[in-house]
Amino acid sequence: MKVLVSFVFCLATLYSQTAPPPSTPNTLPNLPDNTPYAKYADGTVLTIGDVRGLLAAVNNPQAANDVQGFLNQYGVMRKLAKLAVSDKLDQEQPTKEQLEFARVLTLFQAELTHRSNPIVQLDDEKAYYEQHKADYKQVKTYAIYVAFSNAGSGSVDAKVLTEEQAKAKAEKLLDQIHKGADFKKLAKENSDDDASRAKDGFFADLKSSATGVPDSIRNAIFALKEGETTGVVKQPNGFYIFRAESMTYQPYEEVRDEVDRSLKQARFREWFEGQQEGTKAALLDTKNSGK
C-alpha cells in the first residue's frame, strides 16, 4: 500500500512543494469530457475528461483550485518519466517492481470497486428478506432495573444498594413475576430507571440490528418468546429483568434499502471468497539451489 500511495500522490506532493498559490482560483470549467483543454509542446492534448481524471487520482484541493499550475507540474513529471523510460529505468530494480506492484494494486482496487455493487433483482431481494427474516425482528421490550453501588438510581430519594443487595432485590422481583405478579406494576414501583419507569417499564422497540445495545442484553431479549421474561441480567451498574411484550417483523417495504445492501454485501463476499481459491503461493525448496 505504501508503494501505491507514493505512486498516486507524488504529484500532489510535488505540486504542493513547488507551485505558488494562485492569486485567483483557476478551476476546471464545466464542459463536456471530450472538450480539448490543454496542449503540451510535444503535441499531447488533454481533454476536460483527462484532467478531471488526473485531479480525481491526485485528490488534492490545491491542485483543483489551480489547474494551470497543476498541469505545469504534471508536464514536468511527464517529461522526466519519458527520460526514465529512455534511460531504461523502468526495467531496473526497484523501479520495475514498484511499477508492477502499483499497477496490480490499482487494478485490484478497481475490480473490487466494480464488483462491490452487483445488480440484484427484486425477487432476489424478497427471497433474501424471507431467508433472513430474523434479522428484521423487533421486540417490544419492558424492563425493571435495579441499580447498585455508587451508580445512582436517578432518583434523589432512592436508596443506593450494594451489588449483593441489588441482586437479591432483582431475584425477589423475578420470583414474584414467575408467580404471576404484574410486570408493569412492579416496574413502576421498583425500577431505578426513571425514563422507563414513567412508561410502566417500557424499554424499547428493540431491533436485532440496533447499535449501542450490549450483546448480553440483546442475546437475552432475542432468546425470548412473546410474553416471556429473562432471568436477572447483570450490567456494570445494575441488574435488569426484561420482558418481551410482543414480537413483530419489520415489513419488507420498510427495510428494502437495508435488504438491498445486505444482499449485495453477501454476493460480493461470496464472489471474493471464490476468487481466493488457487491464489496461495507454494514456497519452493531452495536448500539445494545454486549447487
C-alpha atoms as a PDB file:
ATOM      1  CA  MET A   1       0.000   0.000   0.000  1.00  0.00           C
ATOM      2  CA  LYS A   2       2.864   2.372   0.813  1.00  0.00           C
ATOM      3  CA  VAL A   3       4.180   1.984  -2.724  1.00  0.00           C
ATOM      4  CA  LEU A   4       0.816   2.820  -4.240  1.00  0.00           C
ATOM      5  CA  VAL A   5       0.297   5.831  -2.003  1.00  0.00           C
ATOM      6  CA  SER A   6       3.673   7.189  -3.007  1.00  0.00           C
ATOM      7  CA  PHE A   7       2.918   6.451  -6.642  1.00  0.00           C
ATOM      8  CA  VAL A   8      -0.525   8.050  -6.724  1.00  0.00           C
ATOM      9  CA  PHE A   9       0.175  11.087  -4.575  1.00  0.00           C
ATOM     10  CA  CYS A  10       3.661  12.005  -5.708  1.00  0.00           C
ATOM     11  CA  LEU A  11       2.200  14.654  -7.996  1.00  0.00           C
ATOM     12  CA  ALA A  12       0.220  16.147  -5.131  1.00  0.00           C
ATOM     13  CA  THR A  13       3.365  16.312  -3.027  1.00  0.00           C
ATOM     14  CA  LEU A  14       5.451  17.817  -5.824  1.00  0.00           C
ATOM     15  CA  TYR A  15       2.747  20.309  -6.604  1.00  0.00           C
ATOM     16  CA  SER A  16       2.286  21.455  -3.022  1.00  0.00           C
ATOM     17  CA  GLN A  17       6.046  21.917  -2.629  1.00  0.00           C
ATOM     18  CA  THR A  18       6.746  23.830  -5.831  1.00  0.00           C
ATOM     19  CA  ALA A  19       3.637  25.603  -7.041  1.00  0.00           C
ATOM     20  CA  PRO A  20       2.929  29.057  -5.588  1.00  0.00           C
ATOM     21  CA  PRO A  21      -0.669  29.695  -4.605  1.00  0.00           C
ATOM     22  CA  PRO A  22      -2.581  31.389  -7.460  1.00  0.00           C
ATOM     23  CA  SER A  23      -3.678  34.974  -6.994  1.00  0.00           C
ATOM     24  CA  THR A  24      -7.137  33.986  -8.219  1.00  0.00           C
ATOM     25  CA  PRO A  25      -8.617  30.489  -8.325  1.00  0.00           C
ATOM     26  CA  ASN A  26      -8.124  28.713 -11.662  1.00  0.00           C
ATOM     27  CA  THR A  27     -10.699  25.914 -11.525  1.00  0.00           C
ATOM     28  CA  LEU A  28     -11.725  23.460 -14.230  1.00  0.00           C
ATOM     29  CA  PRO A  29     -14.612  24.758 -16.397  1.00  0.00           C
ATOM     30  CA  ASN A  30     -17.872  22.838 -16.509  1.00  0.00           C
ATOM     31  CA  LEU A  31     -17.589  21.487 -20.069  1.00  0.00           C
ATOM     32  CA  PRO A  32     -18.123  18.049 -21.702  1.00  0.00           C
ATOM     33  CA  ASP A  33     -15.405  15.458 -21.106  1.00  0.00           C
ATOM     34  CA  ASN A  34     -14.358  15.358 -24.753  1.00  0.00           C
ATOM     35  CA  THR A  35     -13.571  19.088 -24.872  1.00  0.00           C
ATOM     36  CA  PRO A  36      -9.845  19.711 -25.642  1.00  0.00           C
ATOM     37  CA  TYR A  37      -8.417  21.683 -22.742  1.00  0.00           C
ATOM     38  CA  ALA A  38      -4.607  21.729 -22.668  1.00  0.00           C
ATOM     39  CA  LYS A  39      -1.781  21.003 -25.101  1.00  0.00           C
ATOM     40  CA  TYR A  40       1.893  20.285 -24.382  1.00  0.00           C
ATOM     41  CA  ALA A  41       4.878  21.147 -26.572  1.00  0.00           C
ATOM     42  CA  ASP A  42       5.206  17.515 -27.694  1.00  0.00           C
ATOM     43  CA  GLY A  43       1.712  17.708 -29.202  1.00  0.00           C
ATOM     44  CA  THR A  44      -0.108  15.806 -26.431  1.00  0.00           C
ATOM     45  CA  VAL A  45      -3.648  17.143 -25.929  1.00  0.00           C
ATOM     46  CA  LEU A  46      -5.569  16.651 -22.697  1.00  0.00           C
ATOM     47  CA  THR A  47      -9.352  16.821 -22.710  1.00  0.00           C
ATOM     48  CA  ILE A  48     -11.516  18.034 -19.868  1.00  0.00           C
ATOM     49  CA  GLY A  49     -12.178  14.385 -19.055  1.00  0.00           C
ATOM     50  CA  ASP A  50      -8.451  13.620 -18.919  1.00  0.00           C
ATOM     51  CA  VAL A  51      -7.841  16.461 -16.489  1.00  0.00           C
ATOM     52  CA  ARG A  52     -10.811  15.509 -14.337  1.00  0.00           C
ATOM     53  CA  GLY A  53      -9.409  12.016 -14.092  1.00  0.00           C
ATOM     54  CA  LEU A  54      -5.960  13.292 -13.109  1.00  0.00           C
ATOM     55  CA  LEU A  55      -7.424  15.581 -10.454  1.00  0.00           C
ATOM     56  CA  ALA A  56      -9.512  12.716  -9.066  1.00  0.00           C
ATOM     57  CA  ALA A  57      -6.417  10.491  -8.878  1.00  0.00           C
ATOM     58  CA  VAL A  58      -4.364  13.151  -7.091  1.00  0.00           C
ATOM     59  CA  ASN A  59      -7.265  14.240  -4.858  1.00  0.00           C
ATOM     60  CA  ASN A  60      -5.567  17.483  -3.847  1.00  0.00           C
ATOM     61  CA  PRO A  61      -7.765  20.569  -3.223  1.00  0.00           C
ATOM     62  CA  GLN A  62      -4.889  22.934  -4.021  1.00  0.00           C
ATOM     63  CA  ALA A  63      -4.403  21.292  -7.416  1.00  0.00           C
ATOM     64  CA  ALA A  64      -8.130  21.518  -8.170  1.00  0.00           C
ATOM     65  CA  ASN A  65      -8.058  25.250  -7.372  1.00  0.00           C
ATOM     66  CA  ASP A  66      -5.044  25.913  -9.601  1.00  0.00           C
ATOM     67  CA  VAL A  67      -5.457  23.732 -12.692  1.00  0.00           C
ATOM     68  CA  GLN A  68      -2.845  25.689 -14.665  1.00  0.00           C
ATOM     69  CA  GLY A  69      -0.188  25.178 -12.007  1.00  0.00           C
ATOM     70  CA  PHE A  70      -1.199  21.539 -11.628  1.00  0.00           C
ATOM     71  CA  LEU A  71      -0.846  20.856 -15.352  1.00  0.00           C
ATOM     72  CA  ASN A  72       2.511  22.655 -15.433  1.00  0.00           C
ATOM     73  CA  GLN A  73       3.838  20.334 -12.739  1.00  0.00           C
ATOM     74  CA  TYR A  74       2.300  17.349 -14.483  1.00  0.00           C
ATOM     75  CA  GLY A  75       4.150  18.393 -17.622  1.00  0.00           C
ATOM     76  CA  VAL A  76       7.439  18.242 -15.707  1.00  0.00           C
ATOM     77  CA  MET A  77       6.543  14.783 -14.436  1.00  0.00           C
ATOM     78  CA  ARG A  78       5.650  13.566 -17.933  1.00  0.00           C
ATOM     79  CA  LYS A  79       8.982  14.773 -19.309  1.00  0.00           C
ATOM     80  CA  LEU A  80      11.016  13.141 -16.551  1.00  0.00           C
ATOM     81  CA  ALA A  81       9.003   9.946 -16.832  1.00  0.00           C
ATOM     82  CA  LYS A  82       9.852   9.758 -20.550  1.00  0.00           C
ATOM     83  CA  LEU A  83      13.511  10.334 -19.748  1.00  0.00           C
ATOM     84  CA  ALA A  84      13.344   7.488 -17.216  1.00  0.00           C
ATOM     85  CA  VAL A  85      11.970   5.164 -19.895  1.00  0.00           C
ATOM     86  CA  SER A  86      14.664   6.307 -22.325  1.00  0.00           C
ATOM     87  CA  ASP A  87      17.263   5.503 -19.676  1.00  0.00           C
ATOM     88  CA  LYS A  88      15.536   2.126 -19.223  1.00  0.00           C
ATOM     89  CA  LEU A  89      14.984   2.799 -15.517  1.00  0.00           C
ATOM     90  CA  ASP A  90      11.598   1.117 -15.789  1.00  0.00           C
ATOM     91  CA  GLN A  91      13.481  -2.142 -16.373  1.00  0.00           C
ATOM     92  CA  GLU A  92      15.755  -1.814 -13.342  1.00  0.00           C
ATOM     93  CA  GLN A  93      15.251  -2.666  -9.694  1.00  0.00           C
ATOM     94  CA  PRO A  94      13.456  -1.461  -7.680  1.00  0.00           C
ATOM     95  CA  THR A  95      11.554   0.712 -10.167  1.00  0.00           C
ATOM     96  CA  LYS A  96      10.414  -2.260 -12.241  1.00  0.00           C
ATOM     97  CA  GLU A  97       8.895  -3.997  -9.227  1.00  0.00           C
ATOM     98  CA  GLN A  98       7.360  -0.778  -7.877  1.00  0.00           C
ATOM     99  CA  LEU A  99       5.629  -0.114 -11.177  1.00  0.00           C
ATOM    100  CA  GLU A 100       4.303  -3.660 -11.406  1.00  0.00           C
ATOM    101  CA  PHE A 101       3.082  -3.688  -7.824  1.00  0.00           C
ATOM    102  CA  ALA A 102       1.387  -0.296  -8.256  1.00  0.00           C
ATOM    103  CA  ARG A 103      -0.265  -1.493 -11.457  1.00  0.00           C
ATOM    104  CA  VAL A 104      -1.516  -4.721  -9.880  1.00  0.00           C
ATOM    105  CA  LEU A 105      -2.772  -2.973  -6.751  1.00  0.00           C
ATOM    106  CA  THR A 106      -4.557  -0.247  -8.718  1.00  0.00           C
ATOM    107  CA  LEU A 107      -6.317  -2.827 -10.919  1.00  0.00           C
ATOM    108  CA  PHE A 108      -7.113  -4.937  -7.846  1.00  0.00           C
ATOM    109  CA  GLN A 109      -8.826  -1.978  -6.185  1.00  0.00           C
ATOM    110  CA  ALA A 110     -10.639  -1.050  -9.395  1.00  0.00           C
ATOM    111  CA  GLU A 111     -12.035  -4.583  -9.721  1.00  0.00           C
ATOM    112  CA  LEU A 112     -13.148  -4.593  -6.078  1.00  0.00           C
ATOM    113  CA  THR A 113     -14.983  -1.325  -6.626  1.00  0.00           C
ATOM    114  CA  HIS A 114     -16.526  -2.664  -9.834  1.00  0.00           C
ATOM    115  CA  ARG A 115     -17.746  -5.840  -8.124  1.00  0.00           C
ATOM    116  CA  SER A 116     -18.853  -4.252  -4.848  1.00  0.00           C
ATOM    117  CA  ASN A 117     -22.210  -3.070  -6.195  1.00  0.00           C
ATOM    118  CA  PRO A 118     -23.721  -6.027  -8.079  1.00  0.00           C
ATOM    119  CA  ILE A 119     -27.103  -5.746  -9.718  1.00  0.00           C
ATOM    120  CA  VAL A 120     -29.781  -7.637  -7.802  1.00  0.00           C
ATOM    121  CA  GLN A 121     -33.343  -8.363  -8.849  1.00  0.00           C
ATOM    122  CA  LEU A 122     -36.447  -7.525  -6.822  1.00  0.00           C
ATOM    123  CA  ASP A 123     -37.380 -11.202  -6.491  1.00  0.00           C
ATOM    124  CA  ASP A 124     -33.901 -11.951  -5.124  1.00  0.00           C
ATOM    125  CA  GLU A 125     -34.272  -9.181  -2.545  1.00  0.00           C
ATOM    126  CA  LYS A 126     -37.633 -10.524  -1.388  1.00  0.00           C
ATOM    127  CA  ALA A 127     -36.254 -14.057  -1.181  1.00  0.00           C
ATOM    128  CA  TYR A 128     -33.278 -12.816   0.849  1.00  0.00           C
ATOM    129  CA  TYR A 129     -35.644 -10.981   3.194  1.00  0.00           C
ATOM    130  CA  GLU A 130     -37.665 -14.159   3.818  1.00  0.00           C
ATOM    131  CA  GLN A 131     -34.498 -16.216   4.374  1.00  0.00           C
ATOM    132  CA  HIS A 132     -33.123 -13.668   6.854  1.00  0.00           C
ATOM    133  CA  LYS A 133     -36.379 -12.514   8.397  1.00  0.00           C
ATOM    134  CA  ALA A 134     -34.971 -12.987  11.888  1.00  0.00           C
ATOM    135  CA  ASP A 135     -32.611 -10.084  11.171  1.00  0.00           C
ATOM    136  CA  TYR A 136     -35.626  -7.791  10.941  1.00  0.00           C
ATOM    137  CA  LYS A 137     -37.373  -8.910  14.112  1.00  0.00           C
ATOM    138  CA  GLN A 138     -38.291  -6.222  16.609  1.00  0.00           C
ATOM    139  CA  VAL A 139     -39.334  -6.839  20.182  1.00  0.00           C
ATOM    140  CA  LYS A 140     -41.470  -4.502  22.240  1.00  0.00           C
ATOM    141  CA  THR A 141     -39.441  -4.720  25.425  1.00  0.00           C
ATOM    142  CA  TYR A 142     -40.232  -3.804  29.020  1.00  0.00           C
ATOM    143  CA  ALA A 143     -37.631  -3.730  31.782  1.00  0.00           C
ATOM    144  CA  ILE A 144     -37.055  -3.457  35.502  1.00  0.00           C
ATOM    145  CA  TYR A 145     -33.692  -2.011  36.506  1.00  0.00           C
ATOM    146  CA  VAL A 146     -32.160  -2.340  39.974  1.00  0.00           C
ATOM    147  CA  ALA A 147     -29.070  -0.161  40.452  1.00  0.00           C
ATOM    148  CA  PHE A 148     -26.236  -0.928  42.834  1.00  0.00           C
ATOM    149  CA  SER A 149     -23.110   0.562  44.416  1.00  0.00           C
ATOM    150  CA  ASN A 150     -22.383   4.202  43.603  1.00  0.00           C
ATOM    151  CA  ALA A 151     -24.086   4.068  40.192  1.00  0.00           C
ATOM    152  CA  GLY A 152     -27.012   6.056  41.454  1.00  0.00           C
ATOM    153  CA  SER A 153     -30.626   5.351  40.661  1.00  0.00           C
ATOM    154  CA  GLY A 154     -31.667   8.583  39.036  1.00  0.00           C
ATOM    155  CA  SER A 155     -33.997   9.435  41.935  1.00  0.00           C
ATOM    156  CA  VAL A 156     -32.797  11.721  44.708  1.00  0.00           C
ATOM    157  CA  ASP A 157     -34.773   9.858  47.376  1.00  0.00           C
ATOM    158  CA  ALA A 158     -33.837   6.342  46.245  1.00  0.00           C
ATOM    159  CA  LYS A 159     -31.587   4.195  48.380  1.00  0.00           C
ATOM    160  CA  VAL A 160     -28.353   3.118  46.698  1.00  0.00           C
ATOM    161  CA  LEU A 161     -27.900  -0.624  47.161  1.00  0.00           C
ATOM    162  CA  THR A 162     -24.772  -2.738  47.234  1.00  0.00           C
ATOM    163  CA  GLU A 163     -24.349  -5.201  44.389  1.00  0.00           C
ATOM    164  CA  GLU A 164     -25.374  -8.074  46.649  1.00  0.00           C
ATOM    165  CA  GLN A 165     -28.478  -6.233  47.852  1.00  0.00           C
ATOM    166  CA  ALA A 166     -29.450  -5.234  44.313  1.00  0.00           C
ATOM    167  CA  LYS A 167     -29.114  -8.799  43.065  1.00  0.00           C
ATOM    168  CA  ALA A 168     -31.248 -10.091  45.914  1.00  0.00           C
ATOM    169  CA  LYS A 169     -33.912  -7.493  45.159  1.00  0.00           C
ATOM    170  CA  ALA A 170     -33.913  -8.317  41.443  1.00  0.00           C
ATOM    171  CA  GLU A 171     -34.200 -12.041  42.124  1.00  0.00           C
ATOM    172  CA  LYS A 172     -37.087 -11.415  44.522  1.00  0.00           C
ATOM    173  CA  LEU A 173     -38.882  -9.371  41.854  1.00  0.00           C
ATOM    174  CA  LEU A 174     -38.247 -12.114  39.300  1.00  0.00           C
ATOM    175  CA  ASP A 175     -39.753 -14.675  41.667  1.00  0.00           C
ATOM    176  CA  GLN A 176     -42.872 -12.510  42.014  1.00  0.00           C
ATOM    177  CA  ILE A 177     -43.126 -12.281  38.226  1.00  0.00           C
ATOM    178  CA  HIS A 178     -42.906 -16.066  37.918  1.00  0.00           C
ATOM    179  CA  LYS A 179     -45.745 -16.318  40.433  1.00  0.00           C
ATOM    180  CA  GLY A 180     -47.954 -14.093  38.286  1.00  0.00           C
ATOM    181  CA  ALA A 181     -47.254 -10.560  39.503  1.00  0.00           C
ATOM    182  CA  ASP A 182     -47.917  -7.767  37.011  1.00  0.00           C
ATOM    183  CA  PHE A 183     -44.579  -6.887  35.378  1.00  0.00           C
ATOM    184  CA  LYS A 184     -45.572  -3.318  34.539  1.00  0.00           C
ATOM    185  CA  LYS A 185     -46.811  -2.641  38.051  1.00  0.00           C
ATOM    186  CA  LEU A 186     -43.556  -3.978  39.533  1.00  0.00           C
ATOM    187  CA  ALA A 187     -41.544  -1.856  37.103  1.00  0.00           C
ATOM    188  CA  LYS A 188     -43.465   1.274  38.026  1.00  0.00           C
ATOM    189  CA  GLU A 189     -42.955   0.634  41.724  1.00  0.00           C
ATOM    190  CA  ASN A 190     -39.380  -0.707  41.740  1.00  0.00           C
ATOM    191  CA  SER A 191     -37.350   0.198  38.666  1.00  0.00           C
ATOM    192  CA  ASP A 192     -34.456   2.604  39.178  1.00  0.00           C
ATOM    193  CA  ASP A 193     -34.594   3.807  35.566  1.00  0.00           C
ATOM    194  CA  ASP A 194     -36.699   6.975  35.628  1.00  0.00           C
ATOM    195  CA  ALA A 195     -37.349   7.055  31.879  1.00  0.00           C
ATOM    196  CA  SER A 196     -38.754   3.535  31.561  1.00  0.00           C
ATOM    197  CA  ARG A 197     -40.471   3.607  34.974  1.00  0.00           C
ATOM    198  CA  ALA A 198     -42.518   6.604  33.839  1.00  0.00           C
ATOM    199  CA  LYS A 199     -43.797   4.435  30.964  1.00  0.00           C
ATOM    200  CA  ASP A 200     -44.662   1.403  33.116  1.00  0.00           C
ATOM    201  CA  GLY A 201     -41.299  -0.137  32.349  1.00  0.00           C
ATOM    202  CA  PHE A 202     -41.304   0.301  28.556  1.00  0.00           C
ATOM    203  CA  PHE A 203     -37.682  -0.076  27.465  1.00  0.00           C
ATOM    204  CA  ALA A 204     -37.633  -0.011  23.641  1.00  0.00           C
ATOM    205  CA  ASP A 205     -38.943  -1.440  20.414  1.00  0.00           C
ATOM    206  CA  LEU A 206     -35.662  -3.247  20.047  1.00  0.00           C
ATOM    207  CA  LYS A 207     -34.401  -4.384  16.650  1.00  0.00           C
ATOM    208  CA  SER A 208     -31.849  -7.135  16.264  1.00  0.00           C
ATOM    209  CA  SER A 209     -29.668  -4.739  14.263  1.00  0.00           C
ATOM    210  CA  ALA A 210     -29.795  -1.996  16.906  1.00  0.00           C
ATOM    211  CA  THR A 211     -26.440  -0.472  17.770  1.00  0.00           C
ATOM    212  CA  GLY A 212     -25.307   0.561  21.233  1.00  0.00           C
ATOM    213  CA  VAL A 213     -27.009  -2.388  22.953  1.00  0.00           C
ATOM    214  CA  PRO A 214     -24.700  -4.758  24.870  1.00  0.00           C
ATOM    215  CA  ASP A 215     -24.627  -8.291  23.482  1.00  0.00           C
ATOM    216  CA  SER A 216     -25.636  -9.722  26.851  1.00  0.00           C
ATOM    217  CA  ILE A 217     -28.863  -7.698  26.732  1.00  0.00           C
ATOM    218  CA  ARG A 218     -29.519  -8.308  23.031  1.00  0.00           C
ATOM    219  CA  ASN A 219     -28.946 -12.060  23.338  1.00  0.00           C
ATOM    220  CA  ALA A 220     -31.138 -12.339  26.422  1.00  0.00           C
ATOM    221  CA  ILE A 221     -34.042 -10.470  24.831  1.00  0.00           C
ATOM    222  CA  PHE A 222     -33.940 -12.155  21.437  1.00  0.00           C
ATOM    223  CA  ALA A 223     -33.832 -15.587  23.043  1.00  0.00           C
ATOM    224  CA  LEU A 224     -37.314 -14.939  24.467  1.00  0.00           C
ATOM    225  CA  LYS A 225     -40.664 -15.890  23.052  1.00  0.00           C
ATOM    226  CA  GLU A 226     -43.512 -13.427  23.135  1.00  0.00           C
ATOM    227  CA  GLY A 227     -44.674 -12.872  26.720  1.00  0.00           C
ATOM    228  CA  GLU A 228     -41.580 -14.420  28.311  1.00  0.00           C
ATOM    229  CA  THR A 229     -39.248 -12.825  30.834  1.00  0.00           C
ATOM    230  CA  THR A 230     -35.478 -13.088  31.091  1.00  0.00           C
ATOM    231  CA  GLY A 231     -33.567 -14.021  34.177  1.00  0.00           C
ATOM    232  CA  VAL A 232     -31.554 -11.394  36.026  1.00  0.00           C
ATOM    233  CA  VAL A 233     -29.125  -9.779  33.570  1.00  0.00           C
ATOM    234  CA  LYS A 234     -26.119  -8.122  35.189  1.00  0.00           C
ATOM    235  CA  GLN A 235     -24.704  -4.894  33.804  1.00  0.00           C
ATOM    236  CA  PRO A 236     -21.831  -2.738  35.167  1.00  0.00           C
ATOM    237  CA  ASN A 237     -24.048  -0.650  37.454  1.00  0.00           C
ATOM    238  CA  GLY A 238     -27.157  -2.700  37.995  1.00  0.00           C
ATOM    239  CA  PHE A 239     -29.357  -5.702  37.214  1.00  0.00           C
ATOM    240  CA  TYR A 240     -32.053  -5.883  34.539  1.00  0.00           C
ATOM    241  CA  ILE A 241     -35.106  -8.061  34.098  1.00  0.00           C
ATOM    242  CA  PHE A 242     -36.580  -7.880  30.578  1.00  0.00           C
ATOM    243  CA  ARG A 243     -39.962  -8.902  29.241  1.00  0.00           C
ATOM    244  CA  ALA A 244     -40.785  -9.475  25.559  1.00  0.00           C
ATOM    245  CA  GLU A 245     -44.233  -7.911  25.422  1.00  0.00           C
ATOM    246  CA  SER A 246     -44.735  -8.558  21.707  1.00  0.00           C
ATOM    247  CA  MET A 247     -42.721  -9.511  18.627  1.00  0.00           C
ATOM    248  CA  THR A 248     -43.139  -8.287  15.076  1.00  0.00           C
ATOM    249  CA  TYR A 249     -41.099  -8.163  11.896  1.00  0.00           C
ATOM    250  CA  GLN A 250     -40.291  -5.002  10.016  1.00  0.00           C
ATOM    251  CA  PRO A 251     -42.111  -5.238   6.669  1.00  0.00           C
ATOM    252  CA  TYR A 252     -40.005  -5.681   3.543  1.00  0.00           C
ATOM    253  CA  GLU A 253     -41.073  -2.279   2.206  1.00  0.00           C
ATOM    254  CA  GLU A 254     -39.728  -0.612   5.347  1.00  0.00           C
ATOM    255  CA  VAL A 255     -36.300  -2.277   5.216  1.00  0.00           C
ATOM    256  CA  ARG A 256     -35.847  -2.645   1.452  1.00  0.00           C
ATOM    257  CA  ASP A 257     -32.721  -0.467   1.332  1.00  0.00           C
ATOM    258  CA  GLU A 258     -31.140  -2.465   4.162  1.00  0.00           C
ATOM    259  CA  VAL A 259     -32.061  -5.736   2.445  1.00  0.00           C
ATOM    260  CA  ASP A 260     -30.537  -4.487  -0.807  1.00  0.00           C
ATOM    261  CA  ARG A 261     -27.266  -3.587   0.928  1.00  0.00           C
ATOM    262  CA  SER A 262     -27.105  -6.874   2.812  1.00  0.00           C
ATOM    263  CA  LEU A 263     -27.759  -8.968  -0.295  1.00  0.00           C
ATOM    264  CA  LYS A 264     -25.134  -7.096  -2.289  1.00  0.00           C
ATOM    265  CA  GLN A 265     -22.601  -7.488   0.504  1.00  0.00           C
ATOM    266  CA  ALA A 266     -23.357 -11.205   0.733  1.00  0.00           C
ATOM    267  CA  ARG A 267     -22.918 -11.694  -3.002  1.00  0.00           C
ATOM    268  CA  PHE A 268     -19.722  -9.665  -3.061  1.00  0.00           C
ATOM    269  CA  ARG A 269     -18.328 -11.638  -0.123  1.00  0.00           C
ATOM    270  CA  GLU A 270     -19.220 -14.912  -1.832  1.00  0.00           C
ATOM    271  CA  TRP A 271     -17.575 -13.760  -5.069  1.00  0.00           C
ATOM    272  CA  PHE A 272     -14.417 -12.564  -3.309  1.00  0.00           C
ATOM    273  CA  GLU A 273     -14.048 -15.759  -1.310  1.00  0.00           C
ATOM    274  CA  GLY A 274     -14.312 -17.699  -4.564  1.00  0.00           C
ATOM    275  CA  GLN A 275     -11.552 -15.594  -6.108  1.00  0.00           C
ATOM    276  CA  GLN A 276      -9.168 -16.555  -3.316  1.00  0.00           C
ATOM    277  CA  GLU A 277      -9.155 -20.176  -4.423  1.00  0.00           C
ATOM    278  CA  GLY A 278      -5.890 -21.205  -6.033  1.00  0.00           C
ATOM    279  CA  THR A 279      -4.074 -17.996  -5.101  1.00  0.00           C
ATOM    280  CA  LYS A 280      -1.768 -19.257  -2.363  1.00  0.00           C
ATOM    281  CA  ALA A 281       1.914 -19.270  -3.215  1.00  0.00           C
ATOM    282  CA  ALA A 282       3.779 -22.537  -2.728  1.00  0.00           C
ATOM    283  CA  LEU A 283       7.280 -21.769  -1.475  1.00  0.00           C
ATOM    284  CA  LEU A 284       9.822 -23.935  -3.263  1.00  0.00           C
ATOM    285  CA  ASP A 285      12.702 -25.811  -1.674  1.00  0.00           C
ATOM    286  CA  THR A 286      15.748 -23.566  -2.032  1.00  0.00           C
ATOM    287  CA  LYS A 287      18.138 -25.578   0.106  1.00  0.00           C
ATOM    288  CA  ASN A 288      19.963 -27.055  -2.888  1.00  0.00           C
ATOM    289  CA  SER A 289      19.686 -24.020  -5.155  1.00  0.00           C
ATOM    290  CA  GLY A 290      22.917 -22.832  -6.680  1.00  0.00           C
ATOM    291  CA  LYS A 291      24.767 -26.135  -6.088  1.00  0.00           C
END
